[in-house]
Amino acid sequence: MKERLELLHHAKVISAESAAACIDISKLIENRLGIAPENEQFQMAITHLARAFDRISEGSPITDGLDEEMFREITEDPDFLKIEQLNKEILERLAIDPPAAENSFFLSNLMSLHYAAEASTP
């Protein structure tokens, strides 16, 4: 994951601050959810987080969030509180306060990673 984030930084797709922050966050997610950073979904989620971090830091976050019905399914999931707590910890480490639209995708990605980790556990 570190190499991917560094490559994105060198290609000027993400900032150095975003790359460094997301390297830290990827370790947190790996440890907390027990999912390997080589997982394609993991890499997609961290890449999204890195881009979102820069958008939020630059004052230009997205305005359209996850479909309301899909998001309601996520919030009604029995494991949502666990995922929401992890999301809060990530946001505190990043020192960002995303708008609801960005946050809906953060939560969706974390929920997907949670279930991907469960599916890969024997």
N, C-alpha and C. Protein backbone atom coordinates (compact mmCIF):
# COMPACT_ATOMS: atom_id res chain seq x y z
N MET A 1 0.83 -1.19 0.00
CA MET A 1 0.00 0.00 0.00
C MET A 1 0.87 1.25 0.00
N LYS A 2 1.94 1.20 0.78
CA LYS A 2 2.84 2.34 0.86
C LYS A 2 3.37 2.71 -0.53
N GLU A 3 3.77 1.71 -1.30
CA GLU A 3 4.31 1.96 -2.64
C GLU A 3 3.27 2.60 -3.54
N ARG A 4 2.04 2.12 -3.45
CA ARG A 4 0.97 2.66 -4.27
C ARG A 4 0.73 4.13 -3.94
N LEU A 5 0.67 4.45 -2.65
CA LEU A 5 0.46 5.84 -2.24
C LEU A 5 1.62 6.73 -2.64
N GLU A 6 2.83 6.23 -2.53
CA GLU A 6 4.00 7.01 -2.97
C GLU A 6 3.97 7.25 -4.48
N LEU A 7 3.57 6.23 -5.22
CA LEU A 7 3.45 6.37 -6.67
C LEU A 7 2.40 7.44 -7.01
N LEU A 8 1.26 7.40 -6.34
CA LEU A 8 0.22 8.40 -6.57
C LEU A 8 0.71 9.80 -6.23
N HIS A 9 1.51 9.91 -5.18
CA HIS A 9 2.07 11.21 -4.81
C HIS A 9 3.05 11.69 -5.88
N HIS A 10 3.94 10.82 -6.31
CA HIS A 10 4.93 11.22 -7.33
C HIS A 10 4.27 11.58 -8.66
N ALA A 11 3.11 10.97 -8.93
CA ALA A 11 2.36 11.29 -10.14
C ALA A 11 1.49 12.54 -9.96
N LYS A 12 1.58 13.14 -8.75
CA LYS A 12 0.83 14.35 -8.41
C LYS A 12 -0.68 14.14 -8.40
N VAL A 13 -1.09 12.90 -8.07
CA VAL A 13 -2.51 12.59 -7.94
C VAL A 13 -2.98 12.89 -6.52
N ILE A 14 -2.08 12.69 -5.53
CA ILE A 14 -2.37 13.01 -4.14
C ILE A 14 -1.19 13.79 -3.56
N SER A 15 -1.45 14.48 -2.47
CA SER A 15 -0.40 15.26 -1.81
C SER A 15 0.49 14.37 -0.95
N ALA A 16 1.65 14.89 -0.59
CA ALA A 16 2.56 14.17 0.30
C ALA A 16 1.90 13.96 1.66
N GLU A 17 1.16 14.95 2.13
CA GLU A 17 0.47 14.85 3.41
C GLU A 17 -0.58 13.72 3.37
N SER A 18 -1.31 13.66 2.28
CA SER A 18 -2.32 12.61 2.12
C SER A 18 -1.67 11.23 2.08
N ALA A 19 -0.59 11.10 1.33
CA ALA A 19 0.11 9.81 1.24
C ALA A 19 0.58 9.35 2.61
N ALA A 20 1.23 10.24 3.35
CA ALA A 20 1.75 9.88 4.67
C ALA A 20 0.61 9.52 5.63
N ALA A 21 -0.45 10.30 5.61
CA ALA A 21 -1.59 10.03 6.50
C ALA A 21 -2.25 8.70 6.17
N CYS A 22 -2.39 8.41 4.90
CA CYS A 22 -3.08 7.18 4.49
C CYS A 22 -2.21 5.94 4.68
N ILE A 23 -0.90 6.10 4.71
CA ILE A 23 -0.03 4.98 5.07
C ILE A 23 -0.33 4.58 6.51
N ASP A 24 -0.43 5.57 7.37
CA ASP A 24 -0.75 5.32 8.78
C ASP A 24 -2.13 4.69 8.92
N ILE A 25 -3.10 5.23 8.21
CA ILE A 25 -4.47 4.73 8.30
C ILE A 25 -4.56 3.31 7.74
N SER A 26 -3.80 3.01 6.70
CA SER A 26 -3.86 1.66 6.14
C SER A 26 -3.36 0.64 7.15
N LYS A 27 -2.37 1.00 7.95
CA LYS A 27 -1.88 0.10 9.00
C LYS A 27 -2.96 -0.10 10.07
N LEU A 28 -3.64 0.97 10.43
CA LEU A 28 -4.72 0.89 11.41
C LEU A 28 -5.82 -0.06 10.92
N ILE A 29 -6.25 0.12 9.68
CA ILE A 29 -7.32 -0.71 9.12
C ILE A 29 -6.86 -2.16 9.02
N GLU A 30 -5.65 -2.36 8.57
CA GLU A 30 -5.13 -3.73 8.47
C GLU A 30 -5.16 -4.42 9.83
N ASN A 31 -4.70 -3.73 10.86
CA ASN A 31 -4.67 -4.31 12.20
C ASN A 31 -6.07 -4.48 12.79
N ARG A 32 -6.92 -3.51 12.60
CA ARG A 32 -8.24 -3.54 13.22
C ARG A 32 -9.17 -4.54 12.55
N LEU A 33 -9.14 -4.57 11.21
CA LEU A 33 -10.07 -5.45 10.50
C LEU A 33 -9.44 -6.77 10.10
N GLY A 34 -8.12 -6.85 10.15
CA GLY A 34 -7.46 -8.09 9.78
C GLY A 34 -7.52 -8.38 8.30
N ILE A 35 -7.42 -7.35 7.49
CA ILE A 35 -7.45 -7.51 6.03
C ILE A 35 -6.10 -7.09 5.45
N ALA A 36 -5.63 -7.84 4.49
CA ALA A 36 -4.32 -7.58 3.90
C ALA A 36 -4.38 -6.37 2.97
N PRO A 37 -3.35 -5.52 3.03
CA PRO A 37 -3.32 -4.35 2.15
C PRO A 37 -3.24 -4.70 0.66
N GLU A 38 -2.89 -5.93 0.35
CA GLU A 38 -2.84 -6.36 -1.05
C GLU A 38 -4.23 -6.59 -1.63
N ASN A 39 -5.23 -6.69 -0.76
CA ASN A 39 -6.61 -6.88 -1.19
C ASN A 39 -7.01 -5.70 -2.08
N GLU A 40 -7.59 -6.02 -3.23
CA GLU A 40 -7.96 -4.99 -4.20
C GLU A 40 -8.94 -3.97 -3.61
N GLN A 41 -9.89 -4.45 -2.83
CA GLN A 41 -10.88 -3.57 -2.21
C GLN A 41 -10.20 -2.64 -1.19
N PHE A 42 -9.23 -3.17 -0.47
CA PHE A 42 -8.46 -2.39 0.49
C PHE A 42 -7.75 -1.25 -0.23
N GLN A 43 -7.10 -1.58 -1.34
CA GLN A 43 -6.36 -0.56 -2.09
C GLN A 43 -7.29 0.50 -2.66
N MET A 44 -8.45 0.08 -3.13
CA MET A 44 -9.42 1.03 -3.65
C MET A 44 -9.90 1.97 -2.54
N ALA A 45 -10.19 1.42 -1.37
CA ALA A 45 -10.68 2.23 -0.26
C ALA A 45 -9.64 3.25 0.20
N ILE A 46 -8.39 2.83 0.30
CA ILE A 46 -7.34 3.76 0.74
C ILE A 46 -7.08 4.82 -0.32
N THR A 47 -7.11 4.43 -1.57
CA THR A 47 -6.93 5.41 -2.65
C THR A 47 -8.06 6.45 -2.60
N HIS A 48 -9.28 5.99 -2.40
CA HIS A 48 -10.41 6.92 -2.28
C HIS A 48 -10.21 7.85 -1.08
N LEU A 49 -9.77 7.28 0.03
CA LEU A 49 -9.55 8.08 1.23
C LEU A 49 -8.48 9.14 0.97
N ALA A 50 -7.42 8.78 0.29
CA ALA A 50 -6.34 9.73 -0.01
C ALA A 50 -6.85 10.90 -0.86
N ARG A 51 -7.61 10.58 -1.90
CA ARG A 51 -8.16 11.64 -2.76
C ARG A 51 -9.16 12.50 -1.98
N ALA A 52 -10.00 11.85 -1.17
CA ALA A 52 -10.98 12.59 -0.38
C ALA A 52 -10.30 13.50 0.63
N PHE A 53 -9.22 13.01 1.26
CA PHE A 53 -8.45 13.81 2.20
C PHE A 53 -8.00 15.11 1.53
N ASP A 54 -7.46 14.99 0.33
CA ASP A 54 -7.00 16.19 -0.39
C ASP A 54 -8.17 17.10 -0.75
N ARG A 55 -9.28 16.52 -1.23
CA ARG A 55 -10.45 17.36 -1.58
C ARG A 55 -10.94 18.14 -0.36
N ILE A 56 -11.04 17.45 0.77
CA ILE A 56 -11.53 18.09 1.98
C ILE A 56 -10.55 19.16 2.45
N SER A 57 -9.27 18.84 2.42
CA SER A 57 -8.24 19.80 2.85
C SER A 57 -8.22 21.04 1.96
N GLU A 58 -8.54 20.86 0.68
CA GLU A 58 -8.56 21.97 -0.27
C GLU A 58 -9.89 22.72 -0.28
N GLY A 59 -10.86 22.23 0.49
CA GLY A 59 -12.16 22.89 0.55
C GLY A 59 -13.06 22.58 -0.62
N SER A 60 -12.83 21.45 -1.29
CA SER A 60 -13.68 21.10 -2.43
C SER A 60 -14.16 19.65 -2.35
N PRO A 61 -14.84 19.30 -1.24
CA PRO A 61 -15.34 17.93 -1.12
C PRO A 61 -16.48 17.67 -2.10
N ILE A 62 -16.77 16.40 -2.31
CA ILE A 62 -17.90 16.06 -3.17
C ILE A 62 -19.19 16.50 -2.49
N THR A 63 -20.21 16.68 -3.28
CA THR A 63 -21.49 17.12 -2.72
C THR A 63 -22.56 16.04 -2.80
N ASP A 64 -22.35 15.04 -3.64
CA ASP A 64 -23.33 13.95 -3.77
C ASP A 64 -22.77 12.70 -3.10
N GLY A 65 -23.48 12.27 -2.07
CA GLY A 65 -23.04 11.10 -1.33
C GLY A 65 -23.59 9.81 -1.89
N LEU A 66 -23.42 8.77 -1.13
CA LEU A 66 -23.91 7.45 -1.48
C LEU A 66 -25.43 7.49 -1.59
N ASP A 67 -25.97 6.68 -2.48
CA ASP A 67 -27.42 6.55 -2.63
C ASP A 67 -28.06 6.36 -1.25
N GLU A 68 -29.13 7.09 -0.98
CA GLU A 68 -29.77 7.06 0.35
C GLU A 68 -30.20 5.66 0.78
N GLU A 69 -30.76 4.89 -0.12
CA GLU A 69 -31.21 3.55 0.23
C GLU A 69 -30.02 2.64 0.57
N MET A 70 -28.97 2.75 -0.22
CA MET A 70 -27.77 1.96 0.08
C MET A 70 -27.18 2.36 1.42
N PHE A 71 -27.14 3.65 1.68
CA PHE A 71 -26.58 4.12 2.94
C PHE A 71 -27.43 3.67 4.12
N ARG A 72 -28.73 3.66 3.95
CA ARG A 72 -29.63 3.20 5.02
C ARG A 72 -29.34 1.72 5.33
N GLU A 73 -29.09 0.92 4.31
CA GLU A 73 -28.74 -0.49 4.53
C GLU A 73 -27.47 -0.61 5.37
N ILE A 74 -26.52 0.26 5.11
CA ILE A 74 -25.26 0.25 5.87
C ILE A 74 -25.52 0.62 7.32
N THR A 75 -26.28 1.68 7.54
CA THR A 75 -26.53 2.13 8.91
C THR A 75 -27.38 1.15 9.70
N GLU A 76 -28.14 0.30 9.02
CA GLU A 76 -28.97 -0.69 9.70
C GLU A 76 -28.24 -2.02 9.90
N ASP A 77 -27.04 -2.13 9.39
CA ASP A 77 -26.26 -3.36 9.54
C ASP A 77 -25.92 -3.58 11.01
N PRO A 78 -25.95 -4.81 11.49
CA PRO A 78 -25.64 -5.08 12.90
C PRO A 78 -24.22 -4.66 13.32
N ASP A 79 -23.32 -4.59 12.36
CA ASP A 79 -21.93 -4.21 12.68
C ASP A 79 -21.65 -2.72 12.44
N PHE A 80 -22.68 -1.95 12.15
CA PHE A 80 -22.47 -0.54 11.81
C PHE A 80 -21.80 0.24 12.94
N LEU A 81 -22.20 0.04 14.17
CA LEU A 81 -21.61 0.82 15.27
C LEU A 81 -20.10 0.59 15.38
N LYS A 82 -19.68 -0.63 15.16
CA LYS A 82 -18.25 -0.95 15.16
C LYS A 82 -17.53 -0.20 14.04
N ILE A 83 -18.13 -0.20 12.87
CA ILE A 83 -17.54 0.48 11.72
C ILE A 83 -17.56 1.99 11.92
N GLU A 84 -18.64 2.50 12.47
CA GLU A 84 -18.74 3.94 12.73
C GLU A 84 -17.67 4.39 13.72
N GLN A 85 -17.40 3.58 14.72
CA GLN A 85 -16.36 3.91 15.71
C GLN A 85 -14.97 3.93 15.04
N LEU A 86 -14.70 2.95 14.20
CA LEU A 86 -13.43 2.94 13.47
C LEU A 86 -13.32 4.16 12.58
N ASN A 87 -14.41 4.53 11.92
CA ASN A 87 -14.41 5.71 11.06
C ASN A 87 -14.09 6.97 11.87
N LYS A 88 -14.68 7.09 13.05
CA LYS A 88 -14.41 8.25 13.90
C LYS A 88 -12.94 8.31 14.29
N GLU A 89 -12.37 7.16 14.61
CA GLU A 89 -10.95 7.12 14.96
C GLU A 89 -10.08 7.54 13.78
N ILE A 90 -10.43 7.08 12.60
CA ILE A 90 -9.68 7.46 11.39
C ILE A 90 -9.77 8.97 11.16
N LEU A 91 -10.97 9.51 11.26
CA LEU A 91 -11.16 10.95 11.03
C LEU A 91 -10.39 11.78 12.06
N GLU A 92 -10.34 11.31 13.30
CA GLU A 92 -9.57 12.01 14.33
C GLU A 92 -8.09 11.98 14.00
N ARG A 93 -7.58 10.84 13.56
CA ARG A 93 -6.16 10.73 13.20
C ARG A 93 -5.83 11.62 12.01
N LEU A 94 -6.77 11.72 11.08
CA LEU A 94 -6.55 12.55 9.90
C LEU A 94 -6.80 14.03 10.19
N ALA A 95 -7.45 14.31 11.30
CA ALA A 95 -7.80 15.68 11.69
C ALA A 95 -8.64 16.36 10.61
N ILE A 96 -9.65 15.61 10.12
CA ILE A 96 -10.58 16.17 9.14
C ILE A 96 -12.01 15.95 9.63
N ASP A 97 -12.89 16.83 9.18
CA ASP A 97 -14.31 16.72 9.49
C ASP A 97 -15.05 16.73 8.15
N PRO A 98 -15.23 15.54 7.56
CA PRO A 98 -15.82 15.50 6.22
C PRO A 98 -17.30 15.81 6.23
N PRO A 99 -17.79 16.38 5.15
CA PRO A 99 -19.24 16.54 5.03
C PRO A 99 -19.89 15.16 4.88
N ALA A 100 -21.18 15.12 5.08
CA ALA A 100 -21.93 13.86 5.05
C ALA A 100 -21.71 13.09 3.74
N ALA A 101 -21.63 13.79 2.62
CA ALA A 101 -21.47 13.10 1.33
C ALA A 101 -20.16 12.31 1.30
N GLU A 102 -19.06 12.93 1.68
CA GLU A 102 -17.77 12.23 1.72
C GLU A 102 -17.81 11.11 2.76
N ASN A 103 -18.38 11.40 3.92
CA ASN A 103 -18.40 10.43 5.00
C ASN A 103 -19.22 9.18 4.65
N SER A 104 -20.25 9.35 3.84
CA SER A 104 -21.05 8.18 3.45
C SER A 104 -20.20 7.18 2.67
N PHE A 105 -19.28 7.68 1.87
CA PHE A 105 -18.40 6.78 1.13
C PHE A 105 -17.33 6.18 2.04
N PHE A 106 -16.85 6.96 3.01
CA PHE A 106 -15.89 6.40 3.98
C PHE A 106 -16.52 5.20 4.69
N LEU A 107 -17.73 5.40 5.20
CA LEU A 107 -18.42 4.33 5.94
C LEU A 107 -18.72 3.13 5.04
N SER A 108 -19.11 3.39 3.82
CA SER A 108 -19.38 2.31 2.87
C SER A 108 -18.12 1.49 2.60
N ASN A 109 -17.00 2.17 2.38
CA ASN A 109 -15.75 1.47 2.14
C ASN A 109 -15.32 0.65 3.34
N LEU A 110 -15.46 1.20 4.53
CA LEU A 110 -15.09 0.46 5.74
C LEU A 110 -15.98 -0.77 5.93
N MET A 111 -17.27 -0.61 5.67
CA MET A 111 -18.18 -1.75 5.80
C MET A 111 -17.80 -2.84 4.79
N SER A 112 -17.48 -2.45 3.58
CA SER A 112 -17.05 -3.42 2.57
C SER A 112 -15.78 -4.14 3.00
N LEU A 113 -14.85 -3.40 3.57
CA LEU A 113 -13.61 -4.01 4.05
C LEU A 113 -13.88 -4.96 5.21
N HIS A 114 -14.78 -4.58 6.07
CA HIS A 114 -15.16 -5.43 7.20
C HIS A 114 -15.66 -6.79 6.69
N TYR A 115 -16.56 -6.76 5.71
CA TYR A 115 -17.11 -8.01 5.18
C TYR A 115 -16.10 -8.76 4.32
N ALA A 116 -15.23 -8.05 3.63
CA ALA A 116 -14.17 -8.72 2.86
C ALA A 116 -13.23 -9.46 3.81
N ALA A 117 -12.94 -8.84 4.94
CA ALA A 117 -12.07 -9.49 5.94
C ALA A 117 -12.74 -10.73 6.50
N GLU A 118 -14.03 -10.62 6.80
CA GLU A 118 -14.77 -11.78 7.31
C GLU A 118 -14.80 -12.92 6.30
N ALA A 119 -14.96 -12.57 5.03
CA ALA A 119 -15.03 -13.60 3.98
C ALA A 119 -13.69 -14.31 3.79
N SER A 120 -12.60 -13.60 4.07
CA SER A 120 -11.29 -14.21 3.87
C SER A 120 -10.79 -14.96 5.09
N THR A 121 -11.53 -14.87 6.19
CA THR A 121 -11.14 -15.58 7.42
C THR A 121 -11.68 -17.02 7.35
N PRO A 122 -10.77 -17.99 7.52
CA PRO A 122 -11.23 -19.38 7.43
C PRO A 122 -12.14 -19.79 8.57
